[in-house]
Amino acid sequence: MKKDGHPDYHEITVVMTDGTEFVTRSTYGKAGDKLHLDIDPKTHPAWTGTHRMVDRGGQLAKFNKRFGGLSKKKEGEQPVAATASNEPKIKLTTTGASAKKKEKKA
């Protein structure tokens, strides 16, 4: 068997969102390190039934900056209805093998 084929399996301390701690064995970090959880069973929406937004690395702010204006309606602005003037003018044609089949049938 090769030497150093498996990662070091040691004890670490896991810190829950409410501050409680427990010791477990893991390959995370070094022996004695602490793993701080952002979401755990006490705060996860699947178990609590409440929704909480967690912004990791500004991703939520980036999304809101990019798409935040889509849901906000400006004062006095009317929604754009689909009319004949703003519908795309695209003519669909068949090409390739399906067009050749139609030619043979006709």
PDB file of N, CA and C in Angstrom:
ATOM      1  N   MET A   1       0.847  -1.178   0.000  1.00  0.00           N
ATOM      2  CA  MET A   1       0.000   0.000   0.000  1.00  0.00           C
ATOM      3  C   MET A   1       0.894   1.243   0.000  1.00  0.00           C
ATOM      4  N   LYS A   2       0.469   2.295  -0.762  1.00  0.00           N
ATOM      5  CA  LYS A   2       1.243   3.520  -0.833  1.00  0.00           C
ATOM      6  C   LYS A   2       1.195   4.270   0.484  1.00  0.00           C
ATOM      7  N   LYS A   3       2.313   4.927   0.808  1.00  0.00           N
ATOM      8  CA  LYS A   3       2.358   5.781   1.990  1.00  0.00           C
ATOM      9  C   LYS A   3       1.577   7.056   1.686  1.00  0.00           C
ATOM     10  N   ASP A   4       0.962   7.644   2.684  1.00  0.00           N
ATOM     11  CA  ASP A   4       0.195   8.891   2.561  1.00  0.00           C
ATOM     12  C   ASP A   4      -0.912   8.784   1.514  1.00  0.00           C
ATOM     13  N   GLY A   5      -1.518   7.633   1.379  1.00  0.00           N
ATOM     14  CA  GLY A   5      -2.595   7.433   0.418  1.00  0.00           C
ATOM     15  C   GLY A   5      -3.925   7.985   0.914  1.00  0.00           C
ATOM     16  N   HIS A   6      -4.078   8.116   2.217  1.00  0.00           N
ATOM     17  CA  HIS A   6      -5.324   8.603   2.795  1.00  0.00           C
ATOM     18  C   HIS A   6      -5.076   9.908   3.543  1.00  0.00           C
ATOM     19  N   PRO A   7      -6.061  10.807   3.572  1.00  0.00           N
ATOM     20  CA  PRO A   7      -5.896  12.052   4.329  1.00  0.00           C
ATOM     21  C   PRO A   7      -5.887  11.783   5.831  1.00  0.00           C
ATOM     22  N   ASP A   8      -5.339  12.723   6.577  1.00  0.00           N
ATOM     23  CA  ASP A   8      -5.265  12.616   8.031  1.00  0.00           C
ATOM     24  C   ASP A   8      -6.671  12.726   8.619  1.00  0.00           C
ATOM     25  N   TYR A   9      -7.054  11.793   9.437  1.00  0.00           N
ATOM     26  CA  TYR A   9      -8.366  11.754  10.069  1.00  0.00           C
ATOM     27  C   TYR A   9      -8.170  12.075  11.531  1.00  0.00           C
ATOM     28  N   HIS A  10      -8.663  13.228  11.981  1.00  0.00           N
ATOM     29  CA  HIS A  10      -8.373  13.730  13.323  1.00  0.00           C
ATOM     30  C   HIS A  10      -9.614  14.373  13.932  1.00  0.00           C
ATOM     31  N   GLU A  11      -9.509  14.803  15.195  1.00  0.00           N
ATOM     32  CA  GLU A  11     -10.628  15.434  15.885  1.00  0.00           C
ATOM     33  C   GLU A  11     -10.652  16.932  15.607  1.00  0.00           C
ATOM     34  N   ILE A  12     -11.872  17.453  15.336  1.00  0.00           N
ATOM     35  CA  ILE A  12     -12.084  18.890  15.174  1.00  0.00           C
ATOM     36  C   ILE A  12     -13.297  19.281  16.010  1.00  0.00           C
ATOM     37  N   THR A  13     -13.479  20.585  16.209  1.00  0.00           N
ATOM     38  CA  THR A  13     -14.631  21.090  16.928  1.00  0.00           C
ATOM     39  C   THR A  13     -15.547  21.791  15.941  1.00  0.00           C
ATOM     40  N   VAL A  14     -16.816  21.423  15.943  1.00  0.00           N
ATOM     41  CA  VAL A  14     -17.814  22.045  15.072  1.00  0.00           C
ATOM     42  C   VAL A  14     -18.615  23.032  15.915  1.00  0.00           C
ATOM     43  N   VAL A  15     -18.694  24.293  15.442  1.00  0.00           N
ATOM     44  CA  VAL A  15     -19.429  25.336  16.148  1.00  0.00           C
ATOM     45  C   VAL A  15     -20.709  25.617  15.374  1.00  0.00           C
ATOM     46  N   MET A  16     -21.854  25.382  16.021  1.00  0.00           N
ATOM     47  CA  MET A  16     -23.161  25.595  15.399  1.00  0.00           C
ATOM     48  C   MET A  16     -23.469  27.089  15.354  1.00  0.00           C
ATOM     49  N   THR A  17     -24.565  27.468  14.664  1.00  0.00           N
ATOM     50  CA  THR A  17     -24.918  28.871  14.517  1.00  0.00           C
ATOM     51  C   THR A  17     -25.314  29.521  15.839  1.00  0.00           C
ATOM     52  N   ASP A  18     -25.814  28.743  16.789  1.00  0.00           N
ATOM     53  CA  ASP A  18     -26.197  29.310  18.077  1.00  0.00           C
ATOM     54  C   ASP A  18     -25.044  29.307  19.087  1.00  0.00           C
ATOM     55  N   GLY A  19     -23.863  28.867  18.667  1.00  0.00           N
ATOM     56  CA  GLY A  19     -22.687  28.897  19.531  1.00  0.00           C
ATOM     57  C   GLY A  19     -22.372  27.585  20.221  1.00  0.00           C
ATOM     58  N   THR A  20     -23.270  26.610  20.150  1.00  0.00           N
ATOM     59  CA  THR A  20     -22.976  25.323  20.773  1.00  0.00           C
ATOM     60  C   THR A  20     -21.881  24.614  19.976  1.00  0.00           C
ATOM     61  N   GLU A  21     -21.112  23.800  20.655  1.00  0.00           N
ATOM     62  CA  GLU A  21     -19.992  23.098  20.030  1.00  0.00           C
ATOM     63  C   GLU A  21     -20.073  21.610  20.291  1.00  0.00           C
ATOM     64  N   PHE A  22     -19.510  20.834  19.361  1.00  0.00           N
ATOM     65  CA  PHE A  22     -19.329  19.410  19.599  1.00  0.00           C
ATOM     66  C   PHE A  22     -18.061  18.957  18.893  1.00  0.00           C
ATOM     67  N   VAL A  23     -17.478  17.888  19.380  1.00  0.00           N
ATOM     68  CA  VAL A  23     -16.235  17.363  18.825  1.00  0.00           C
ATOM     69  C   VAL A  23     -16.570  16.155  17.958  1.00  0.00           C
ATOM     70  N   THR A  24     -15.941  16.097  16.790  1.00  0.00           N
ATOM     71  CA  THR A  24     -16.135  14.976  15.880  1.00  0.00           C
ATOM     72  C   THR A  24     -14.814  14.689  15.185  1.00  0.00           C
ATOM     73  N   ARG A  25     -14.771  13.637  14.417  1.00  0.00           N
ATOM     74  CA  ARG A  25     -13.565  13.305  13.651  1.00  0.00           C
ATOM     75  C   ARG A  25     -13.812  13.645  12.193  1.00  0.00           C
ATOM     76  N   SER A  26     -12.784  14.220  11.539  1.00  0.00           N
ATOM     77  CA  SER A  26     -12.937  14.670  10.175  1.00  0.00           C
ATOM     78  C   SER A  26     -11.579  14.791   9.497  1.00  0.00           C
ATOM     79  N   THR A  27     -11.591  14.970   8.176  1.00  0.00           N
ATOM     80  CA  THR A  27     -10.359  15.253   7.437  1.00  0.00           C
ATOM     81  C   THR A  27     -10.216  16.752   7.206  1.00  0.00           C
ATOM     82  N   TYR A  28     -11.162  17.562   7.735  1.00  0.00           N
ATOM     83  CA  TYR A  28     -11.131  19.018   7.598  1.00  0.00           C
ATOM     84  C   TYR A  28      -9.963  19.619   8.382  1.00  0.00           C
ATOM     85  N   GLY A  29      -9.197  20.502   7.756  1.00  0.00           N
ATOM     86  CA  GLY A  29      -8.152  21.258   8.442  1.00  0.00           C
ATOM     87  C   GLY A  29      -7.120  20.397   9.137  1.00  0.00           C
ATOM     88  N   LYS A  30      -6.680  20.891  10.304  1.00  0.00           N
ATOM     89  CA  LYS A  30      -5.689  20.175  11.129  1.00  0.00           C
ATOM     90  C   LYS A  30      -6.338  19.767  12.443  1.00  0.00           C
ATOM     91  N   ALA A  31      -5.682  18.929  13.180  1.00  0.00           N
ATOM     92  CA  ALA A  31      -6.199  18.481  14.470  1.00  0.00           C
ATOM     93  C   ALA A  31      -6.420  19.691  15.376  1.00  0.00           C
ATOM     94  N   GLY A  32      -7.615  19.765  15.991  1.00  0.00           N
ATOM     95  CA  GLY A  32      -7.938  20.853  16.899  1.00  0.00           C
ATOM     96  C   GLY A  32      -8.574  22.067  16.238  1.00  0.00           C
ATOM     97  N   ASP A  33      -8.690  22.107  14.903  1.00  0.00           N
ATOM     98  CA  ASP A  33      -9.312  23.240  14.217  1.00  0.00           C
ATOM     99  C   ASP A  33     -10.795  23.321  14.562  1.00  0.00           C
ATOM    100  N   LYS A  34     -11.367  24.540  14.368  1.00  0.00           N
ATOM    101  CA  LYS A  34     -12.805  24.747  14.586  1.00  0.00           C
ATOM    102  C   LYS A  34     -13.473  25.005  13.247  1.00  0.00           C
ATOM    103  N   LEU A  35     -14.587  24.349  13.023  1.00  0.00           N
ATOM    104  CA  LEU A  35     -15.397  24.531  11.822  1.00  0.00           C
ATOM    105  C   LEU A  35     -16.649  25.292  12.234  1.00  0.00           C
ATOM    106  N   HIS A  36     -16.788  26.558  11.774  1.00  0.00           N
ATOM    107  CA  HIS A  36     -17.945  27.393  12.099  1.00  0.00           C
ATOM    108  C   HIS A  36     -18.981  27.231  10.991  1.00  0.00           C
ATOM    109  N   LEU A  37     -20.184  26.810  11.360  1.00  0.00           N
ATOM    110  CA  LEU A  37     -21.255  26.581  10.395  1.00  0.00           C
ATOM    111  C   LEU A  37     -22.060  27.851  10.175  1.00  0.00           C
ATOM    112  N   ASP A  38     -22.445  28.133   8.908  1.00  0.00           N
ATOM    113  CA  ASP A  38     -23.335  29.240   8.577  1.00  0.00           C
ATOM    114  C   ASP A  38     -24.786  28.782   8.631  1.00  0.00           C
ATOM    115  N   ILE A  39     -25.027  27.542   8.261  1.00  0.00           N
ATOM    116  CA  ILE A  39     -26.371  26.967   8.276  1.00  0.00           C
ATOM    117  C   ILE A  39     -26.277  25.587   8.911  1.00  0.00           C
ATOM    118  N   ASP A  40     -27.192  25.299   9.804  1.00  0.00           N
ATOM    119  CA  ASP A  40     -27.245  23.987  10.436  1.00  0.00           C
ATOM    120  C   ASP A  40     -28.717  23.600  10.612  1.00  0.00           C
ATOM    121  N   PRO A  41     -29.013  22.419  11.145  1.00  0.00           N
ATOM    122  CA  PRO A  41     -30.416  21.996  11.274  1.00  0.00           C
ATOM    123  C   PRO A  41     -31.282  22.954  12.098  1.00  0.00           C
ATOM    124  N   LYS A  42     -30.673  23.767  12.970  1.00  0.00           N
ATOM    125  CA  LYS A  42     -31.456  24.703  13.784  1.00  0.00           C
ATOM    126  C   LYS A  42     -31.858  25.944  12.990  1.00  0.00           C
ATOM    127  N   THR A  43     -31.177  26.239  11.861  1.00  0.00           N
ATOM    128  CA  THR A  43     -31.477  27.440  11.083  1.00  0.00           C
ATOM    129  C   THR A  43     -31.861  27.149   9.645  1.00  0.00           C
ATOM    130  N   HIS A  44     -31.743  25.931   9.179  1.00  0.00           N
ATOM    131  CA  HIS A  44     -32.035  25.595   7.782  1.00  0.00           C
ATOM    132  C   HIS A  44     -33.537  25.618   7.534  1.00  0.00           C
ATOM    133  N   PRO A  45     -33.974  26.248   6.419  1.00  0.00           N
ATOM    134  CA  PRO A  45     -35.409  26.351   6.135  1.00  0.00           C
ATOM    135  C   PRO A  45     -36.132  25.006   6.029  1.00  0.00           C
ATOM    136  N   ALA A  46     -35.433  23.961   5.657  1.00  0.00           N
ATOM    137  CA  ALA A  46     -36.080  22.655   5.532  1.00  0.00           C
ATOM    138  C   ALA A  46     -36.573  22.150   6.884  1.00  0.00           C
ATOM    139  N   TRP A  47     -35.909  22.525   7.963  1.00  0.00           N
ATOM    140  CA  TRP A  47     -36.306  22.061   9.289  1.00  0.00           C
ATOM    141  C   TRP A  47     -37.070  23.126  10.075  1.00  0.00           C
ATOM    142  N   THR A  48     -36.832  24.409   9.801  1.00  0.00           N
ATOM    143  CA  THR A  48     -37.471  25.462  10.583  1.00  0.00           C
ATOM    144  C   THR A  48     -38.737  25.992   9.933  1.00  0.00           C
ATOM    145  N   GLY A  49     -38.852  25.917   8.604  1.00  0.00           N
ATOM    146  CA  GLY A  49     -40.015  26.435   7.911  1.00  0.00           C
ATOM    147  C   GLY A  49     -39.939  27.927   7.637  1.00  0.00           C
ATOM    148  N   THR A  50     -38.852  28.588   8.010  1.00  0.00           N
ATOM    149  CA  THR A  50     -38.675  30.013   7.718  1.00  0.00           C
ATOM    150  C   THR A  50     -37.545  30.178   6.718  1.00  0.00           C
ATOM    151  N   HIS A  51     -37.661  31.230   5.895  1.00  0.00           N
ATOM    152  CA  HIS A  51     -36.668  31.469   4.850  1.00  0.00           C
ATOM    153  C   HIS A  51     -35.749  32.601   5.273  1.00  0.00           C
ATOM    154  N   ARG A  52     -34.444  32.390   5.135  1.00  0.00           N
ATOM    155  CA  ARG A  52     -33.452  33.402   5.495  1.00  0.00           C
ATOM    156  C   ARG A  52     -32.422  33.469   4.379  1.00  0.00           C
ATOM    157  N   MET A  53     -32.158  34.673   3.881  1.00  0.00           N
ATOM    158  CA  MET A  53     -31.175  34.853   2.821  1.00  0.00           C
ATOM    159  C   MET A  53     -29.780  34.969   3.435  1.00  0.00           C
ATOM    160  N   VAL A  54     -28.846  34.184   2.939  1.00  0.00           N
ATOM    161  CA  VAL A  54     -27.462  34.235   3.398  1.00  0.00           C
ATOM    162  C   VAL A  54     -26.619  34.728   2.232  1.00  0.00           C
ATOM    163  N   ASP A  55     -25.949  35.852   2.421  1.00  0.00           N
ATOM    164  CA  ASP A  55     -25.135  36.440   1.359  1.00  0.00           C
ATOM    165  C   ASP A  55     -23.693  35.987   1.540  1.00  0.00           C
ATOM    166  N   ARG A  56     -23.242  35.071   0.699  1.00  0.00           N
ATOM    167  CA  ARG A  56     -21.874  34.570   0.760  1.00  0.00           C
ATOM    168  C   ARG A  56     -21.070  35.219  -0.344  1.00  0.00           C
ATOM    169  N   GLY A  57     -20.130  36.075   0.008  1.00  0.00           N
ATOM    170  CA  GLY A  57     -19.243  36.675  -0.973  1.00  0.00           C
ATOM    171  C   GLY A  57     -19.910  37.699  -1.868  1.00  0.00           C
ATOM    172  N   GLY A  58     -21.008  38.334  -1.417  1.00  0.00           N
ATOM    173  CA  GLY A  58     -21.652  39.383  -2.190  1.00  0.00           C
ATOM    174  C   GLY A  58     -22.485  38.900  -3.355  1.00  0.00           C
ATOM    175  N   GLN A  59     -22.785  37.622  -3.442  1.00  0.00           N
ATOM    176  CA  GLN A  59     -23.548  37.090  -4.564  1.00  0.00           C
ATOM    177  C   GLN A  59     -24.977  37.637  -4.583  1.00  0.00           C
ATOM    178  N   LEU A  60     -25.587  37.785  -3.407  1.00  0.00           N
ATOM    179  CA  LEU A  60     -26.939  38.309  -3.338  1.00  0.00           C
ATOM    180  C   LEU A  60     -26.958  39.770  -3.755  1.00  0.00           C
ATOM    181  N   ALA A  61     -25.988  40.552  -3.311  1.00  0.00           N
ATOM    182  CA  ALA A  61     -25.893  41.962  -3.696  1.00  0.00           C
ATOM    183  C   ALA A  61     -25.658  42.087  -5.204  1.00  0.00           C
ATOM    184  N   LYS A  62     -24.823  41.226  -5.753  1.00  0.00           N
ATOM    185  CA  LYS A  62     -24.550  41.243  -7.195  1.00  0.00           C
ATOM    186  C   LYS A  62     -25.828  40.932  -7.986  1.00  0.00           C
ATOM    187  N   PHE A  63     -26.597  39.957  -7.520  1.00  0.00           N
ATOM    188  CA  PHE A  63     -27.851  39.597  -8.193  1.00  0.00           C
ATOM    189  C   PHE A  63     -28.840  40.756  -8.137  1.00  0.00           C
ATOM    190  N   ASN A  64     -28.996  41.360  -6.944  1.00  0.00           N
ATOM    191  CA  ASN A  64     -29.939  42.464  -6.803  1.00  0.00           C
ATOM    192  C   ASN A  64     -29.525  43.669  -7.645  1.00  0.00           C
ATOM    193  N   LYS A  65     -28.227  43.918  -7.768  1.00  0.00           N
ATOM    194  CA  LYS A  65     -27.745  45.027  -8.582  1.00  0.00           C
ATOM    195  C   LYS A  65     -28.077  44.779 -10.048  1.00  0.00           C
ATOM    196  N   ARG A  66     -27.927  43.540 -10.469  1.00  0.00           N
ATOM    197  CA  ARG A  66     -28.133  43.189 -11.871  1.00  0.00           C
ATOM    198  C   ARG A  66     -29.610  43.100 -12.253  1.00  0.00           C
ATOM    199  N   PHE A  67     -30.416  42.490 -11.387  1.00  0.00           N
ATOM    200  CA  PHE A  67     -31.804  42.207 -11.735  1.00  0.00           C
ATOM    201  C   PHE A  67     -32.822  42.896 -10.827  1.00  0.00           C
ATOM    202  N   GLY A  68     -32.392  43.704  -9.889  1.00  0.00           N
ATOM    203  CA  GLY A  68     -33.303  44.333  -8.932  1.00  0.00           C
ATOM    204  C   GLY A  68     -34.314  45.258  -9.571  1.00  0.00           C
ATOM    205  N   GLY A  69     -33.950  45.927 -10.657  1.00  0.00           N
ATOM    206  CA  GLY A  69     -34.848  46.868 -11.297  1.00  0.00           C
ATOM    207  C   GLY A  69     -35.970  46.224 -12.092  1.00  0.00           C
ATOM    208  N   LEU A  70     -35.919  44.935 -12.315  1.00  0.00           N
ATOM    209  CA  LEU A  70     -36.942  44.266 -13.120  1.00  0.00           C
ATOM    210  C   LEU A  70     -38.299  44.237 -12.432  1.00  0.00           C
ATOM    211  N   SER A  71     -38.313  44.081 -11.123  1.00  0.00           N
ATOM    212  CA  SER A  71     -39.585  43.950 -10.424  1.00  0.00           C
ATOM    213  C   SER A  71     -40.152  45.301  -9.999  1.00  0.00           C
ATOM    214  N   LYS A  72     -39.348  46.344  -9.985  1.00  0.00           N
ATOM    215  CA  LYS A  72     -39.814  47.659  -9.555  1.00  0.00           C
ATOM    216  C   LYS A  72     -40.452  48.389 -10.735  1.00  0.00           C
ATOM    217  N   LYS A  73     -41.701  48.811 -10.553  1.00  0.00           N
ATOM    218  CA  LYS A  73     -42.401  49.539 -11.595  1.00  0.00           C
ATOM    219  C   LYS A  73     -42.265  51.025 -11.297  1.00  0.00           C
ATOM    220  N   LYS A  74     -41.817  51.793 -12.286  1.00  0.00           N
ATOM    221  CA  LYS A  74     -41.659  53.226 -12.112  1.00  0.00           C
ATOM    222  C   LYS A  74     -43.026  53.879 -12.018  1.00  0.00           C
ATOM    223  N   GLU A  75     -43.079  55.011 -11.306  1.00  0.00           N
ATOM    224  CA  GLU A  75     -44.336  55.715 -11.091  1.00  0.00           C
ATOM    225  C   GLU A  75     -44.929  56.183 -12.421  1.00  0.00           C
ATOM    226  N   GLY A  76     -46.184  55.874 -12.655  1.00  0.00           N
ATOM    227  CA  GLY A  76     -46.873  56.295 -13.863  1.00  0.00           C
ATOM    228  C   GLY A  76     -46.592  55.413 -15.067  1.00  0.00           C
ATOM    229  N   GLU A  77     -45.799  54.380 -14.923  1.00  0.00           N
ATOM    230  CA  GLU A  77     -45.434  53.516 -16.043  1.00  0.00           C
ATOM    231  C   GLU A  77     -46.483  52.440 -16.232  1.00  0.00           C
ATOM    232  N   GLN A  78     -46.883  52.219 -17.459  1.00  0.00           N
ATOM    233  CA  GLN A  78     -47.854  51.188 -17.789  1.00  0.00           C
ATOM    234  C   GLN A  78     -47.120  49.952 -18.310  1.00  0.00           C
ATOM    235  N   PRO A  79     -47.611  48.753 -18.010  1.00  0.00           N
ATOM    236  CA  PRO A  79     -46.969  47.551 -18.543  1.00  0.00           C
ATOM    237  C   PRO A  79     -47.115  47.497 -20.057  1.00  0.00           C
ATOM    238  N   VAL A  80     -46.114  46.954 -20.724  1.00  0.00           N
ATOM    239  CA  VAL A  80     -46.122  46.848 -22.176  1.00  0.00           C
ATOM    240  C   VAL A  80     -46.920  45.615 -22.567  1.00  0.00           C
ATOM    241  N   ALA A  81     -47.980  45.826 -23.355  1.00  0.00           N
ATOM    242  CA  ALA A  81     -48.806  44.714 -23.812  1.00  0.00           C
ATOM    243  C   ALA A  81     -48.267  44.216 -25.145  1.00  0.00           C
ATOM    244  N   ALA A  82     -48.419  42.937 -25.400  1.00  0.00           N
ATOM    245  CA  ALA A  82     -47.965  42.369 -26.670  1.00  0.00           C
ATOM    246  C   ALA A  82     -48.942  42.779 -27.762  1.00  0.00           C
ATOM    247  N   THR A  83     -48.452  43.558 -28.706  1.00  0.00           N
ATOM    248  CA  THR A  83     -49.276  43.994 -29.833  1.00  0.00           C
ATOM    249  C   THR A  83     -48.598  43.567 -31.115  1.00  0.00           C
ATOM    250  N   ALA A  84     -49.297  43.748 -32.202  1.00  0.00           N
ATOM    251  CA  ALA A  84     -48.750  43.360 -33.501  1.00  0.00           C
ATOM    252  C   ALA A  84     -47.516  44.186 -33.849  1.00  0.00           C
ATOM    253  N   SER A  85     -47.420  45.414 -33.335  1.00  0.00           N
ATOM    254  CA  SER A  85     -46.293  46.278 -33.685  1.00  0.00           C
ATOM    255  C   SER A  85     -44.992  45.858 -33.004  1.00  0.00           C
ATOM    256  N   ASN A  86     -45.072  45.249 -31.817  1.00  0.00           N
ATOM    257  CA  ASN A  86     -43.829  44.876 -31.140  1.00  0.00           C
ATOM    258  C   ASN A  86     -43.553  43.377 -31.141  1.00  0.00           C
ATOM    259  N   GLU A  87     -44.332  42.603 -31.886  1.00  0.00           N
ATOM    260  CA  GLU A  87     -44.053  41.181 -32.003  1.00  0.00           C
ATOM    261  C   GLU A  87     -42.911  40.971 -32.993  1.00  0.00           C
ATOM    262  N   PRO A  88     -42.062  39.998 -32.770  1.00  0.00           N
ATOM    263  CA  PRO A  88     -40.965  39.765 -33.695  1.00  0.00           C
ATOM    264  C   PRO A  88     -41.474  39.278 -35.047  1.00  0.00           C
ATOM    265  N   LYS A  89     -40.812  39.743 -36.103  1.00  0.00           N
ATOM    266  CA  LYS A  89     -41.209  39.357 -37.461  1.00  0.00           C
ATOM    267  C   LYS A  89     -40.240  38.287 -37.948  1.00  0.00           C
ATOM    268  N   ILE A  90     -40.594  37.023 -37.673  1.00  0.00           N
ATOM    269  CA  ILE A  90     -39.748  35.896 -38.039  1.00  0.00           C
ATOM    270  C   ILE A  90     -40.559  34.960 -38.918  1.00  0.00           C
ATOM    271  N   LYS A  91     -39.985  34.603 -40.031  1.00  0.00           N
ATOM    272  CA  LYS A  91     -40.642  33.645 -40.912  1.00  0.00           C
ATOM    273  C   LYS A  91     -39.914  32.314 -40.760  1.00  0.00           C
ATOM    274  N   LEU A  92     -40.645  31.286 -40.379  1.00  0.00           N
ATOM    275  CA  LEU A  92     -40.060  29.969 -40.191  1.00  0.00           C
ATOM    276  C   LEU A  92     -40.120  29.192 -41.492  1.00  0.00           C
ATOM    277  N   THR A  93     -38.997  28.643 -41.873  1.00  0.00           N
ATOM    278  CA  THR A  93     -38.937  27.813 -43.076  1.00  0.00           C
ATOM    279  C   THR A  93     -38.258  26.512 -42.732  1.00  0.00           C
ATOM    280  N   THR A  94     -38.556  25.488 -43.481  1.00  0.00           N
ATOM    281  CA  THR A  94     -37.910  24.205 -43.261  1.00  0.00           C
ATOM    282  C   THR A  94     -36.781  24.049 -44.265  1.00  0.00           C
ATOM    283  N   THR A  95     -35.678  23.524 -43.796  1.00  0.00           N
ATOM    284  CA  THR A  95     -34.526  23.275 -44.660  1.00  0.00           C
ATOM    285  C   THR A  95     -33.979  21.896 -44.360  1.00  0.00           C
ATOM    286  N   GLY A  96     -33.116  21.446 -45.203  1.00  0.00           N
ATOM    287  CA  GLY A  96     -32.445  20.180 -44.954  1.00  0.00           C
ATOM    288  C   GLY A  96     -33.310  18.984 -45.280  1.00  0.00           C
ATOM    289  N   ALA A  97     -33.177  17.930 -44.488  1.00  0.00           N
ATOM    290  CA  ALA A  97     -33.823  16.648 -44.755  1.00  0.00           C
ATOM    291  C   ALA A  97     -35.345  16.753 -44.690  1.00  0.00           C
ATOM    292  N   SER A  98     -35.885  17.550 -43.755  1.00  0.00           N
ATOM    293  CA  SER A  98     -37.340  17.633 -43.635  1.00  0.00           C
ATOM    294  C   SER A  98     -37.946  18.327 -44.857  1.00  0.00           C
ATOM    295  N   ALA A  99     -37.252  19.290 -45.441  1.00  0.00           N
ATOM    296  CA  ALA A  99     -37.752  19.965 -46.646  1.00  0.00           C
ATOM    297  C   ALA A  99     -37.737  19.010 -47.838  1.00  0.00           C
ATOM    298  N   LYS A 100     -36.713  18.179 -47.939  1.00  0.00           N
ATOM    299  CA  LYS A 100     -36.612  17.219 -49.039  1.00  0.00           C
ATOM    300  C   LYS A 100     -37.733  16.188 -48.959  1.00  0.00           C
ATOM    301  N   LYS A 101     -38.112  15.765 -47.743  1.00  0.00           N
ATOM    302  CA  LYS A 101     -39.195  14.807 -47.559  1.00  0.00           C
ATOM    303  C   LYS A 101     -40.513  15.412 -48.035  1.00  0.00           C
ATOM    304  N   LYS A 102     -40.723  16.706 -47.718  1.00  0.00           N
ATOM    305  CA  LYS A 102     -41.949  17.360 -48.145  1.00  0.00           C
ATOM    306  C   LYS A 102     -42.011  17.479 -49.650  1.00  0.00           C
ATOM    307  N   GLU A 103     -40.871  17.735 -50.294  1.00  0.00           N
ATOM    308  CA  GLU A 103     -40.825  17.849 -51.749  1.00  0.00           C
ATOM    309  C   GLU A 103     -41.186  16.528 -52.406  1.00  0.00           C
ATOM    310  N   LYS A 104     -40.685  15.417 -51.849  1.00  0.00           N
ATOM    311  CA  LYS A 104     -40.960  14.088 -52.420  1.00  0.00           C
ATOM    312  C   LYS A 104     -42.440  13.751 -52.301  1.00  0.00           C
ATOM    313  N   LYS A 105     -43.088  14.124 -51.193  1.00  0.00           N
ATOM    314  CA  LYS A 105     -44.496  13.825 -50.960  1.00  0.00           C
ATOM    315  C   LYS A 105     -45.376  14.636 -51.923  1.00  0.00           C
ATOM    316  N   ALA A 106     -44.985  15.838 -52.263  1.00  0.00           N
ATOM    317  CA  ALA A 106     -45.806  16.724 -53.094  1.00  0.00           C
ATOM    318  C   ALA A 106     -45.773  16.386 -54.542  1.00  0.00           C
TER     319      ALA A 106
END
